Amino acid sequence: MVEVEFPHSKKRFYLPSTLGECTSKEFQRISILLLDYFSGVINYEYLKLQITASLLGYELNNKSTHEGLANLILISEAVDRYFDLDSENRNSINLEIYDDKIPFLRTFFRKYYSPGESYEKMTYGQYADASRFFMMFDKEHNTDYLYTMLAILYTRKNKAYNSKQIDKRVVLFKKYIHPGIAFGVYLLFAAFQKNLSTAEINWRGETLNLSTLFEGATEQNTEMPGLGPDSLVYTLAEMGALGKAEEVRSTNFWEIMLLMYEMKKRDVEREKQTPHASNK
């Protein structure tokens, strides 16, 4: 947290030092502003000013005093920590976010819930479908894809994911959910993707480092585009380890990760044994 003190009024405030430190309500309010920035509606300096005002509960309007604005501009420099400079020297959002900032969505008379902390209840089918629209939004910046991600990741409590119900939920969410909140879900999924490559799972007292699954996983140039996460569905279905494709899709995401870890471990052990076998 960043401590902010106003000497004249003797008031002291604490601002989240990163987006990951924000409360659920703070994160959702800021996500709305970030979508405006991402869409080019507001520039970076005005974004910082708006975020700071939102966190401090300061209302920016025509009645704002010069002193108040000057203080706000000074404090807004702390918001730089919410961003990193990318390879092209542009501000990219710092995705060090590890908790579920949007645990549920509320429509007029119902609640729809996320797959939980670290997407613990997410099926592999949900992950594959959400990944597809995540990448499509990255390319086209169409908010329709954000709403489709919502419809994939958020379901009624204790209800199994059914891809056939996506379109119905998209219509509902477009009516009741602000697109900035949908962008917040996109950011959480982006953070999940980023953290996944270094994730660790505690399994029966052993720490399994998933980074081994992503070593050398850079995309190669090819005239034939790949299927992304969907390719694993067909690979596992062909192996028959979990049944047919739909059964693979309905399996918990983290169970799939454990299976992939075990397969990777066997491959590594097999490679170690191969030189010895050839020397016999």
Foldseek 3Di string as FASTA:
>chain_A
DDWDADVVVRDIDDDPLELQRDALVLNLVLLLLVLCCVVVVDDDLVSLLVSQCVRVVHDDDPPQDPVNSVSSSVVSVSHLSQFDQDPVRDTDGDLPHQFDSDQWDDFPHAIWGFCHGLSQNAFLLLVLLLVVLLVVCVVVVDLLSLLLNCLSGTGHPPDAGDNVCSVVSSVRCVVGPDSSSSSSVSSNVVSSVVCQLQDWDQDPNDIQGLVLVCVPVDDDDDPDDDSPSLVVLCVCCVVCPQHHSVSNRRHGPVVVSVVSSVVSVVVVVVVVCVVVVVVD
